[in-house]
Protein backbone atom coordinates (compact mmCIF):
# COMPACT_ATOMS: atom_id res chain seq x y z
CA UNK A 1 -31.55 69.27 51.92
CA UNK A 2 -28.08 69.40 52.38
CA UNK A 3 -26.08 69.89 49.60
CA UNK A 4 -24.48 67.31 47.50
CA UNK A 5 -21.05 66.45 46.95
CA UNK A 6 -21.13 67.45 43.41
CA UNK A 7 -21.55 70.82 44.64
CA UNK A 8 -18.61 70.86 47.19
CA UNK A 9 -15.70 70.27 44.28
CA UNK A 10 -12.58 70.62 46.99
CA UNK A 11 -11.52 69.31 50.11
CA UNK A 12 -9.66 71.01 53.27
CA UNK A 13 -8.49 70.00 56.77
CA UNK A 14 -9.80 72.31 59.35
CA UNK A 15 -7.88 72.44 62.62
CA UNK A 16 -8.46 74.25 65.86
CA UNK A 17 -5.97 75.35 68.85
CA UNK A 18 -4.69 72.19 70.86
CA UNK A 19 -2.41 74.34 73.70
CA UNK A 20 -0.81 77.79 73.99
CA UNK A 21 3.04 77.35 74.86
CA UNK A 22 6.09 79.79 75.33
CA UNK A 23 8.20 80.31 72.61
CA UNK A 24 12.25 80.53 73.55
CA UNK A 25 12.00 84.11 73.87
CA UNK A 26 8.72 83.58 76.36
CA UNK A 27 6.12 84.61 74.29
CA UNK A 28 2.97 82.53 73.86
CA UNK A 29 3.02 80.26 70.82
CA UNK A 30 -0.35 78.29 69.46
CA UNK A 31 -0.11 74.64 68.43
CA UNK A 32 -2.62 73.58 65.82
CA UNK A 33 -4.35 70.19 65.24
CA UNK A 34 -5.96 68.51 62.66
CA UNK A 35 -9.77 68.16 63.71
CA UNK A 36 -11.33 67.23 60.77
CA UNK A 37 -9.45 65.91 57.16
CA UNK A 38 -10.69 65.79 53.70
CA UNK A 39 -13.62 67.65 54.63
CA UNK A 40 -15.77 68.77 51.55
CA UNK A 41 -16.03 72.38 50.38
CA UNK A 42 -16.42 75.21 47.87
CA UNK A 43 -14.72 78.30 48.34
CA UNK A 44 -15.71 81.93 46.87
CA UNK A 45 -13.42 84.63 46.84
CA UNK A 46 -14.78 87.89 47.34
CA UNK A 47 -12.27 89.71 46.60
CA UNK A 48 -8.70 91.31 48.11
CA UNK A 49 -7.75 94.34 50.07
CA UNK A 50 -4.94 95.44 50.97
CA UNK A 51 -3.53 95.00 55.45
CA UNK A 52 -3.24 98.38 56.40
CA UNK A 53 -1.09 97.38 59.81
CA UNK A 54 1.83 98.57 58.06
CA UNK A 55 2.53 94.74 56.67
CA UNK A 56 3.22 93.98 52.99
CA UNK A 57 0.54 91.62 52.96
CA UNK A 58 -2.81 91.45 50.98
CA UNK A 59 -6.14 89.94 53.12
CA UNK A 60 -8.50 87.91 50.61
CA UNK A 61 -12.25 87.21 52.21
CA UNK A 62 -13.74 83.96 51.17
CA UNK A 63 -17.01 82.84 51.56
CA UNK A 64 -16.63 79.00 52.03
CA UNK A 65 -19.04 76.38 51.85
CA UNK A 66 -19.17 72.97 54.20
CA UNK A 67 -21.10 70.21 55.18
CA UNK A 68 -23.26 69.88 57.88
CA UNK A 69 -22.32 67.30 59.81
CA UNK A 70 -18.85 69.67 60.93
CA UNK A 71 -18.17 70.97 64.13
CA UNK A 72 -16.58 74.40 63.67
CA UNK A 73 -16.81 77.78 65.46
CA UNK A 74 -14.86 81.20 64.63
CA UNK A 75 -11.29 80.96 65.29
CA UNK A 76 -10.64 77.62 63.76
CA UNK A 77 -8.78 77.52 60.95
CA UNK A 78 -9.17 76.25 57.60
CA UNK A 79 -5.84 74.67 55.39
CA UNK A 80 -6.44 74.29 51.75
CA UNK A 81 -3.17 72.96 50.04
CA UNK A 82 -0.72 75.86 51.50
CA UNK A 83 -3.11 78.45 51.88
CA UNK A 84 -4.16 78.71 55.64
CA UNK A 85 -7.88 80.72 56.18
CA UNK A 86 -8.69 82.22 59.15
CA UNK A 87 -12.58 81.68 60.50
CA UNK A 88 -14.84 84.90 61.21
CA UNK A 89 -18.12 84.04 60.91
CA UNK A 90 -19.67 80.58 60.74
CA UNK A 91 -23.64 80.50 59.59
CA UNK A 92 -25.62 77.43 59.88
CA UNK A 93 -28.13 77.30 57.06
CA UNK A 94 -31.79 75.46 58.22
CA UNK A 95 -34.40 73.55 56.16
CA UNK A 96 -37.96 74.75 56.36
CA UNK A 97 -37.84 71.68 59.40
CA UNK A 98 -35.03 73.72 61.26
CA UNK A 99 -32.84 70.51 60.07
CA UNK A 100 -29.47 71.47 59.12
CA UNK A 101 -28.28 71.48 56.03
CA UNK A 102 -24.86 73.13 55.61
CA UNK A 103 -22.47 75.85 56.64
CA UNK A 104 -20.84 78.95 55.42
CA UNK A 105 -18.09 80.18 56.69
CA UNK A 106 -16.63 83.45 56.26
CA UNK A 107 -12.94 83.23 55.99
CA UNK A 108 -9.44 85.79 55.78
CA UNK A 109 -6.39 84.46 53.76
CA UNK A 110 -3.14 86.29 54.69
CA UNK A 111 -0.75 86.00 51.81
């Protein structure tokens, strides 16, 4: 049974890499394009940790639940307001007949 929209109170945009360009320094630079807009979603924070790679940033991990009809793979990203989420894991949830009900995503947001 699919999740009802009342359980997915927020909306987000899903983006995929459209092409890789080269910047003025000759380094690769990705261009992102909107694949889906106004996707119903629910965000649940799983905690915040410090990035230990010498950067002064934090990483917040989320479980995100989205509608079943959205085609998404790890490596895509979610845009929630002004925050970008890197998609790490995509898990479809099925009912007992094998029909997809919804997807759970594990995402990372760097701040």
